Amino acid sequence: MKHDAEYLPLSYLSQLGYCPRRVGLLLNERLWLESADTAKGRREHESVHTRRIERRGRELKLFEYPVASNDLGVSGKCDLIEAQEDPAGCRIPAVDFPVLLYPVEYKHGKLRDEQEYEIQLCAQAMCLEEVYHTTIAEGAIFYISSHRRQRVVLDEPLRRLVLETAKELHHIRESLSVPAARYSEKCKRCSLLEYCMPAVGHSARAYCQKLAQEAKEVETV
């Protein structure tokens, strides 16, 4: 990453995984609307989003821990980092003994497979690895509504996907572009549906294609 490049919100890696057009609207059009889902998720996150450190013996829980990466060009916060004493671990400012780090990302709703959440979690781990010169093999996603934890292995394919997603995120920002809409079931749950209007765009393209085809048919008569 260039030293003068803009650091983008780490959470937007997850937004990009959800929908490129959505992240373009958020980044470059500065649009934001809250839906019932986003409001509920925000309230649930507020219950854990207080920066603090909890310690029990040689184990710690660090909430709202700030992270950043020069390699990825992102910055943000980890919902929770569990740190346990281990001679093979790394040194962090909070304690005077080495620890193994285990990031946990909190998400609204019930347990489900969402690759964009894994991208966000892995990016957090990569930030921690870069700062503390350590290795983090896995983390977890905690689904607040169902009180379930999903283990995530931070393997090489996922790490490559994080790098590719970060590169695409910076391209969208630097080009000030808003990717074209691609209507899917996800659109129904998107808080920006009113401004994005993906179905309208799809209908307009289909209408234009139909007119072009009719024009070609007239020319051949």
C-alpha atoms as a PDB file:
ATOM      1  CA  MET A   1       0.000   0.000   0.000  1.00  0.00           C
ATOM      2  CA  LYS A   2       1.177   3.562  -0.716  1.00  0.00           C
ATOM      3  CA  HIS A   3       2.105   5.541   2.402  1.00  0.00           C
ATOM      4  CA  ASP A   4      -0.199   8.407   1.425  1.00  0.00           C
ATOM      5  CA  ALA A   5      -3.162   6.152   0.644  1.00  0.00           C
ATOM      6  CA  GLU A   6      -6.402   6.529   2.561  1.00  0.00           C
ATOM      7  CA  TYR A   7      -7.121   4.064   5.353  1.00  0.00           C
ATOM      8  CA  LEU A   8     -10.608   2.691   4.807  1.00  0.00           C
ATOM      9  CA  PRO A   9     -12.965   1.227   7.424  1.00  0.00           C
ATOM     10  CA  LEU A  10     -12.137  -2.421   8.007  1.00  0.00           C
ATOM     11  CA  SER A  11     -15.842  -3.240   8.289  1.00  0.00           C
ATOM     12  CA  TYR A  12     -16.311  -2.181   4.655  1.00  0.00           C
ATOM     13  CA  LEU A  13     -14.527  -5.360   3.601  1.00  0.00           C
ATOM     14  CA  SER A  14     -17.605  -7.164   4.862  1.00  0.00           C
ATOM     15  CA  GLN A  15     -19.872  -4.642   3.128  1.00  0.00           C
ATOM     16  CA  LEU A  16     -18.048  -5.273  -0.149  1.00  0.00           C
ATOM     17  CA  GLY A  17     -18.454  -9.002   0.283  1.00  0.00           C
ATOM     18  CA  TYR A  18     -22.178  -8.425   0.760  1.00  0.00           C
ATOM     19  CA  CYS A  19     -22.609  -6.102  -2.235  1.00  0.00           C
ATOM     20  CA  PRO A  20     -20.101  -3.998  -4.246  1.00  0.00           C
ATOM     21  CA  ARG A  21     -22.749  -1.402  -5.117  1.00  0.00           C
ATOM     22  CA  ARG A  22     -23.667  -0.977  -1.442  1.00  0.00           C
ATOM     23  CA  VAL A  23     -20.069  -0.239  -0.478  1.00  0.00           C
ATOM     24  CA  GLY A  24     -19.789   2.232  -3.372  1.00  0.00           C
ATOM     25  CA  LEU A  25     -22.850   4.086  -2.126  1.00  0.00           C
ATOM     26  CA  LEU A  26     -21.486   4.109   1.419  1.00  0.00           C
ATOM     27  CA  LEU A  27     -17.963   5.195   0.491  1.00  0.00           C
ATOM     28  CA  ASN A  28     -18.456   7.553  -2.415  1.00  0.00           C
ATOM     29  CA  GLU A  29     -22.046   8.780  -2.131  1.00  0.00           C
ATOM     30  CA  ARG A  30     -21.992   8.873   1.691  1.00  0.00           C
ATOM     31  CA  LEU A  31     -25.446   7.324   1.811  1.00  0.00           C
ATOM     32  CA  TRP A  32     -26.794   5.590   4.884  1.00  0.00           C
ATOM     33  CA  LEU A  33     -30.296   4.592   5.866  1.00  0.00           C
ATOM     34  CA  GLU A  34     -31.192   2.487   8.867  1.00  0.00           C
ATOM     35  CA  SER A  35     -33.575  -0.429   8.614  1.00  0.00           C
ATOM     36  CA  ALA A  36     -35.167  -2.491  11.361  1.00  0.00           C
ATOM     37  CA  ASP A  37     -32.370  -5.044  10.955  1.00  0.00           C
ATOM     38  CA  THR A  38     -29.533  -2.516  11.150  1.00  0.00           C
ATOM     39  CA  ALA A  39     -31.160  -0.789  14.138  1.00  0.00           C
ATOM     40  CA  LYS A  40     -31.492  -4.083  15.994  1.00  0.00           C
ATOM     41  CA  GLY A  41     -27.928  -5.034  15.122  1.00  0.00           C
ATOM     42  CA  ARG A  42     -26.639  -1.657  16.327  1.00  0.00           C
ATOM     43  CA  ARG A  43     -28.453  -2.004  19.651  1.00  0.00           C
ATOM     44  CA  GLU A  44     -27.100  -5.523  20.134  1.00  0.00           C
ATOM     45  CA  HIS A  45     -23.564  -4.354  19.347  1.00  0.00           C
ATOM     46  CA  GLU A  46     -23.863  -1.462  21.780  1.00  0.00           C
ATOM     47  CA  SER A  47     -24.265  -3.988  24.577  1.00  0.00           C
ATOM     48  CA  VAL A  48     -20.715  -5.253  23.931  1.00  0.00           C
ATOM     49  CA  HIS A  49     -19.126  -2.229  22.231  1.00  0.00           C
ATOM     50  CA  THR A  50     -17.602  -0.620  25.286  1.00  0.00           C
ATOM     51  CA  ARG A  51     -13.835  -0.468  25.218  1.00  0.00           C
ATOM     52  CA  ARG A  52     -12.566  -2.333  28.254  1.00  0.00           C
ATOM     53  CA  ILE A  53     -10.290  -5.123  29.446  1.00  0.00           C
ATOM     54  CA  GLU A  54     -11.515  -8.015  31.578  1.00  0.00           C
ATOM     55  CA  ARG A  55      -8.925 -10.230  33.241  1.00  0.00           C
ATOM     56  CA  ARG A  56      -9.181 -13.575  34.966  1.00  0.00           C
ATOM     57  CA  GLY A  57      -5.814 -14.857  36.048  1.00  0.00           C
ATOM     58  CA  ARG A  58      -3.658 -15.281  32.960  1.00  0.00           C
ATOM     59  CA  GLU A  59      -6.532 -14.822  30.517  1.00  0.00           C
ATOM     60  CA  LEU A  60      -7.850 -11.523  29.178  1.00  0.00           C
ATOM     61  CA  LYS A  61     -10.750 -10.268  27.133  1.00  0.00           C
ATOM     62  CA  LEU A  62     -10.126  -7.039  25.238  1.00  0.00           C
ATOM     63  CA  PHE A  63     -13.288  -5.358  23.934  1.00  0.00           C
ATOM     64  CA  GLU A  64     -13.386  -2.745  21.153  1.00  0.00           C
ATOM     65  CA  TYR A  65      -9.690  -3.152  20.459  1.00  0.00           C
ATOM     66  CA  PRO A  66      -8.374  -0.780  17.744  1.00  0.00           C
ATOM     67  CA  VAL A  67      -6.441  -2.330  14.852  1.00  0.00           C
ATOM     68  CA  ALA A  68      -4.925  -1.172  11.564  1.00  0.00           C
ATOM     69  CA  SER A  69      -2.877  -2.542   8.694  1.00  0.00           C
ATOM     70  CA  ASN A  70      -0.499  -0.845   6.288  1.00  0.00           C
ATOM     71  CA  ASP A  71      -0.652  -3.866   3.996  1.00  0.00           C
ATOM     72  CA  LEU A  72      -4.440  -3.846   3.724  1.00  0.00           C
ATOM     73  CA  GLY A  73      -4.909  -0.093   4.089  1.00  0.00           C
ATOM     74  CA  VAL A  74      -7.724  -0.466   6.608  1.00  0.00           C
ATOM     75  CA  SER A  75      -8.372   0.410  10.218  1.00  0.00           C
ATOM     76  CA  GLY A  76     -11.116  -0.429  12.664  1.00  0.00           C
ATOM     77  CA  LYS A  77     -11.898  -2.251  15.867  1.00  0.00           C
ATOM     78  CA  CYS A  78     -12.177  -5.855  16.966  1.00  0.00           C
ATOM     79  CA  ASP A  79     -15.341  -6.554  18.929  1.00  0.00           C
ATOM     80  CA  LEU A  80     -13.421  -8.920  21.178  1.00  0.00           C
ATOM     81  CA  ILE A  81      -9.923 -10.370  21.406  1.00  0.00           C
ATOM     82  CA  GLU A  82      -9.402 -13.261  23.756  1.00  0.00           C
ATOM     83  CA  ALA A  83      -5.791 -13.394  24.950  1.00  0.00           C
ATOM     84  CA  GLN A  84      -4.387 -16.368  26.821  1.00  0.00           C
ATOM     85  CA  GLU A  85      -0.914 -16.704  28.274  1.00  0.00           C
ATOM     86  CA  ASP A  86       1.391 -18.827  26.137  1.00  0.00           C
ATOM     87  CA  PRO A  87       5.199 -18.873  25.900  1.00  0.00           C
ATOM     88  CA  ALA A  88       4.895 -19.018  22.098  1.00  0.00           C
ATOM     89  CA  GLY A  89       2.631 -15.979  21.992  1.00  0.00           C
ATOM     90  CA  CYS A  90       3.260 -12.302  21.365  1.00  0.00           C
ATOM     91  CA  ARG A  91       3.590  -9.242  23.579  1.00  0.00           C
ATOM     92  CA  ILE A  92       0.767  -6.713  23.800  1.00  0.00           C
ATOM     93  CA  PRO A  93       0.631  -3.488  25.862  1.00  0.00           C
ATOM     94  CA  ALA A  94      -2.127  -4.737  28.176  1.00  0.00           C
ATOM     95  CA  VAL A  95      -0.027  -7.364  30.007  1.00  0.00           C
ATOM     96  CA  ASP A  96       3.571  -8.212  30.819  1.00  0.00           C
ATOM     97  CA  PHE A  97       3.489 -11.833  29.621  1.00  0.00           C
ATOM     98  CA  PRO A  98       3.201 -13.373  26.107  1.00  0.00           C
ATOM     99  CA  VAL A  99      -0.281 -14.299  24.879  1.00  0.00           C
ATOM    100  CA  LEU A 100      -2.004 -16.075  22.035  1.00  0.00           C
ATOM    101  CA  LEU A 101      -4.648 -13.888  20.363  1.00  0.00           C
ATOM    102  CA  TYR A 102      -8.091 -15.103  19.324  1.00  0.00           C
ATOM    103  CA  PRO A 103     -10.343 -12.523  17.627  1.00  0.00           C
ATOM    104  CA  VAL A 104     -14.122 -12.821  17.938  1.00  0.00           C
ATOM    105  CA  GLU A 105     -16.502 -10.843  15.734  1.00  0.00           C
ATOM    106  CA  TYR A 106     -20.054 -10.208  16.989  1.00  0.00           C
ATOM    107  CA  LYS A 107     -22.895 -10.370  14.487  1.00  0.00           C
ATOM    108  CA  HIS A 108     -26.617  -9.763  14.666  1.00  0.00           C
ATOM    109  CA  GLY A 109     -29.000 -12.631  14.001  1.00  0.00           C
ATOM    110  CA  LYS A 110     -28.800 -16.394  14.039  1.00  0.00           C
ATOM    111  CA  LEU A 111     -25.946 -18.724  13.124  1.00  0.00           C
ATOM    112  CA  ARG A 112     -25.410 -18.797   9.351  1.00  0.00           C
ATOM    113  CA  ASP A 113     -22.662 -19.079   6.760  1.00  0.00           C
ATOM    114  CA  GLU A 114     -21.717 -15.622   5.478  1.00  0.00           C
ATOM    115  CA  GLN A 115     -18.341 -15.413   3.749  1.00  0.00           C
ATOM    116  CA  GLU A 116     -18.195 -11.640   4.133  1.00  0.00           C
ATOM    117  CA  TYR A 117     -18.149 -12.085   7.917  1.00  0.00           C
ATOM    118  CA  GLU A 118     -15.205 -14.457   7.615  1.00  0.00           C
ATOM    119  CA  ILE A 119     -13.398 -11.877   5.465  1.00  0.00           C
ATOM    120  CA  GLN A 120     -13.879  -9.222   8.153  1.00  0.00           C
ATOM    121  CA  LEU A 121     -12.694 -11.543  10.927  1.00  0.00           C
ATOM    122  CA  CYS A 122      -9.636 -12.656   8.962  1.00  0.00           C
ATOM    123  CA  ALA A 123      -8.736  -9.041   8.182  1.00  0.00           C
ATOM    124  CA  GLN A 124      -8.798  -8.276  11.916  1.00  0.00           C
ATOM    125  CA  ALA A 125      -6.433 -11.172  12.535  1.00  0.00           C
ATOM    126  CA  MET A 126      -4.111 -10.002   9.752  1.00  0.00           C
ATOM    127  CA  CYS A 127      -4.014  -6.540  11.322  1.00  0.00           C
ATOM    128  CA  LEU A 128      -3.038  -8.030  14.673  1.00  0.00           C
ATOM    129  CA  GLU A 129      -0.405 -10.225  13.053  1.00  0.00           C
ATOM    130  CA  GLU A 130       1.146  -7.237  11.308  1.00  0.00           C
ATOM    131  CA  VAL A 131       1.312  -5.115  14.459  1.00  0.00           C
ATOM    132  CA  TYR A 132       2.397  -7.774  16.958  1.00  0.00           C
ATOM    133  CA  HIS A 133       4.463 -10.006  14.638  1.00  0.00           C
ATOM    134  CA  THR A 134       2.482 -13.093  15.515  1.00  0.00           C
ATOM    135  CA  THR A 135       0.425 -15.812  13.833  1.00  0.00           C
ATOM    136  CA  ILE A 136      -3.298 -16.307  14.400  1.00  0.00           C
ATOM    137  CA  ALA A 137      -4.605 -19.612  13.121  1.00  0.00           C
ATOM    138  CA  GLU A 138      -8.294 -19.161  13.846  1.00  0.00           C
ATOM    139  CA  GLY A 139     -10.982 -16.957  15.298  1.00  0.00           C
ATOM    140  CA  ALA A 140     -14.737 -17.057  15.746  1.00  0.00           C
ATOM    141  CA  ILE A 141     -17.974 -15.304  14.824  1.00  0.00           C
ATOM    142  CA  PHE A 142     -20.459 -14.963  17.668  1.00  0.00           C
ATOM    143  CA  TYR A 143     -24.111 -14.640  16.671  1.00  0.00           C
ATOM    144  CA  ILE A 144     -25.792 -12.537  19.332  1.00  0.00           C
ATOM    145  CA  SER A 145     -29.434 -13.568  18.828  1.00  0.00           C
ATOM    146  CA  SER A 146     -28.744 -17.299  18.996  1.00  0.00           C
ATOM    147  CA  HIS A 147     -25.795 -17.075  21.417  1.00  0.00           C
ATOM    148  CA  ARG A 148     -23.824 -19.379  19.143  1.00  0.00           C
ATOM    149  CA  ARG A 149     -20.167 -19.236  18.216  1.00  0.00           C
ATOM    150  CA  GLN A 150     -18.889 -20.318  14.814  1.00  0.00           C
ATOM    151  CA  ARG A 151     -15.214 -21.281  14.574  1.00  0.00           C
ATOM    152  CA  VAL A 152     -13.365 -19.918  11.534  1.00  0.00           C
ATOM    153  CA  VAL A 153     -10.034 -21.309  10.310  1.00  0.00           C
ATOM    154  CA  LEU A 154      -7.929 -18.460   8.900  1.00  0.00           C
ATOM    155  CA  ASP A 155      -6.329 -20.422   6.081  1.00  0.00           C
ATOM    156  CA  GLU A 156      -4.451 -19.245   2.996  1.00  0.00           C
ATOM    157  CA  PRO A 157      -7.459 -19.180   0.608  1.00  0.00           C
ATOM    158  CA  LEU A 158      -9.337 -16.918   3.035  1.00  0.00           C
ATOM    159  CA  ARG A 159      -6.289 -14.676   3.466  1.00  0.00           C
ATOM    160  CA  ARG A 160      -5.916 -14.316  -0.307  1.00  0.00           C
ATOM    161  CA  LEU A 161      -9.599 -13.390  -0.498  1.00  0.00           C
ATOM    162  CA  VAL A 162      -9.031 -10.692   2.129  1.00  0.00           C
ATOM    163  CA  LEU A 163      -6.165  -9.232   0.084  1.00  0.00           C
ATOM    164  CA  GLU A 164      -8.247  -9.278  -3.106  1.00  0.00           C
ATOM    165  CA  THR A 165     -11.222  -7.683  -1.333  1.00  0.00           C
ATOM    166  CA  ALA A 166      -9.035  -4.936   0.163  1.00  0.00           C
ATOM    167  CA  LYS A 167      -7.584  -4.213  -3.284  1.00  0.00           C
ATOM    168  CA  GLU A 168     -11.068  -3.965  -4.802  1.00  0.00           C
ATOM    169  CA  LEU A 169     -12.251  -1.746  -1.948  1.00  0.00           C
ATOM    170  CA  HIS A 170      -9.432   0.737  -2.568  1.00  0.00           C
ATOM    171  CA  HIS A 171     -10.109   0.672  -6.311  1.00  0.00           C
ATOM    172  CA  ILE A 172     -13.753   1.625  -5.727  1.00  0.00           C
ATOM    173  CA  ARG A 173     -12.670   4.454  -3.454  1.00  0.00           C
ATOM    174  CA  GLU A 174      -9.862   5.770  -5.657  1.00  0.00           C
ATOM    175  CA  SER A 175     -11.990   5.662  -8.817  1.00  0.00           C
ATOM    176  CA  LEU A 176     -14.976   7.195  -6.953  1.00  0.00           C
ATOM    177  CA  SER A 177     -17.127   4.596  -8.658  1.00  0.00           C
ATOM    178  CA  VAL A 178     -20.427   3.030  -7.687  1.00  0.00           C
ATOM    179  CA  PRO A 179     -20.672  -0.490  -9.144  1.00  0.00           C
ATOM    180  CA  ALA A 180     -23.756  -1.416 -11.112  1.00  0.00           C
ATOM    181  CA  ALA A 181     -26.650  -3.017  -9.276  1.00  0.00           C
ATOM    182  CA  ARG A 182     -27.103  -6.764  -9.381  1.00  0.00           C
ATOM    183  CA  TYR A 183     -30.487  -7.691  -8.010  1.00  0.00           C
ATOM    184  CA  SER A 184     -30.638 -10.695  -5.660  1.00  0.00           C
ATOM    185  CA  GLU A 185     -32.481 -11.900  -2.574  1.00  0.00           C
ATOM    186  CA  LYS A 186     -30.043  -9.885  -0.439  1.00  0.00           C
ATOM    187  CA  CYS A 187     -31.478  -6.666  -1.853  1.00  0.00           C
ATOM    188  CA  LYS A 188     -34.732  -7.174   0.043  1.00  0.00           C
ATOM    189  CA  ARG A 189     -32.870  -6.859   3.363  1.00  0.00           C
ATOM    190  CA  CYS A 190     -30.637  -3.938   2.365  1.00  0.00           C
ATOM    191  CA  SER A 191     -31.233  -0.613   4.133  1.00  0.00           C
ATOM    192  CA  LEU A 192     -30.178   1.242   0.948  1.00  0.00           C
ATOM    193  CA  LEU A 193     -32.772  -0.456  -1.260  1.00  0.00           C
ATOM    194  CA  GLU A 194     -34.750   2.775  -1.698  1.00  0.00           C
ATOM    195  CA  TYR A 195     -31.745   4.629  -3.169  1.00  0.00           C
ATOM    196  CA  CYS A 196     -30.127   1.740  -4.990  1.00  0.00           C
ATOM    197  CA  MET A 197     -33.302   0.567  -6.796  1.00  0.00           C
ATOM    198  CA  PRO A 198     -31.648  -2.551  -8.258  1.00  0.00           C
ATOM    199  CA  ALA A 199     -34.865  -3.937  -9.711  1.00  0.00           C
ATOM    200  CA  VAL A 200     -35.527  -0.668 -11.569  1.00  0.00           C
ATOM    201  CA  GLY A 201     -32.080  -0.756 -13.089  1.00  0.00           C
ATOM    202  CA  HIS A 202     -32.561  -4.346 -14.179  1.00  0.00           C
ATOM    203  CA  SER A 203     -35.926  -3.515 -15.746  1.00  0.00           C
ATOM    204  CA  ALA A 204     -34.464  -0.507 -17.559  1.00  0.00           C
ATOM    205  CA  ARG A 205     -31.647  -2.591 -19.032  1.00  0.00           C
ATOM    206  CA  ALA A 206     -34.095  -5.258 -20.142  1.00  0.00           C
ATOM    207  CA  TYR A 207     -36.314  -2.576 -21.737  1.00  0.00           C
ATOM    208  CA  CYS A 208     -33.377  -1.031 -23.622  1.00  0.00           C
ATOM    209  CA  GLN A 209     -32.247  -4.431 -24.816  1.00  0.00           C
ATOM    210  CA  LYS A 210     -35.744  -5.142 -26.064  1.00  0.00           C
ATOM    211  CA  LEU A 211     -35.852  -1.832 -27.999  1.00  0.00           C
ATOM    212  CA  ALA A 212     -32.440  -2.553 -29.537  1.00  0.00           C
ATOM    213  CA  GLN A 213     -33.581  -6.003 -30.632  1.00  0.00           C
ATOM    214  CA  GLU A 214     -36.778  -4.599 -32.146  1.00  0.00           C
ATOM    215  CA  ALA A 215     -34.723  -1.987 -34.039  1.00  0.00           C
ATOM    216  CA  LYS A 216     -32.502  -4.699 -35.493  1.00  0.00           C
ATOM    217  CA  GLU A 217     -35.550  -6.671 -36.600  1.00  0.00           C
ATOM    218  CA  VAL A 218     -36.971  -3.587 -38.354  1.00  0.00           C
ATOM    219  CA  GLU A 219     -33.670  -3.024 -40.204  1.00  0.00           C
ATOM    220  CA  THR A 220     -33.661  -6.566 -41.547  1.00  0.00           C
ATOM    221  CA  VAL A 221     -37.206  -6.331 -42.935  1.00  0.00           C
END
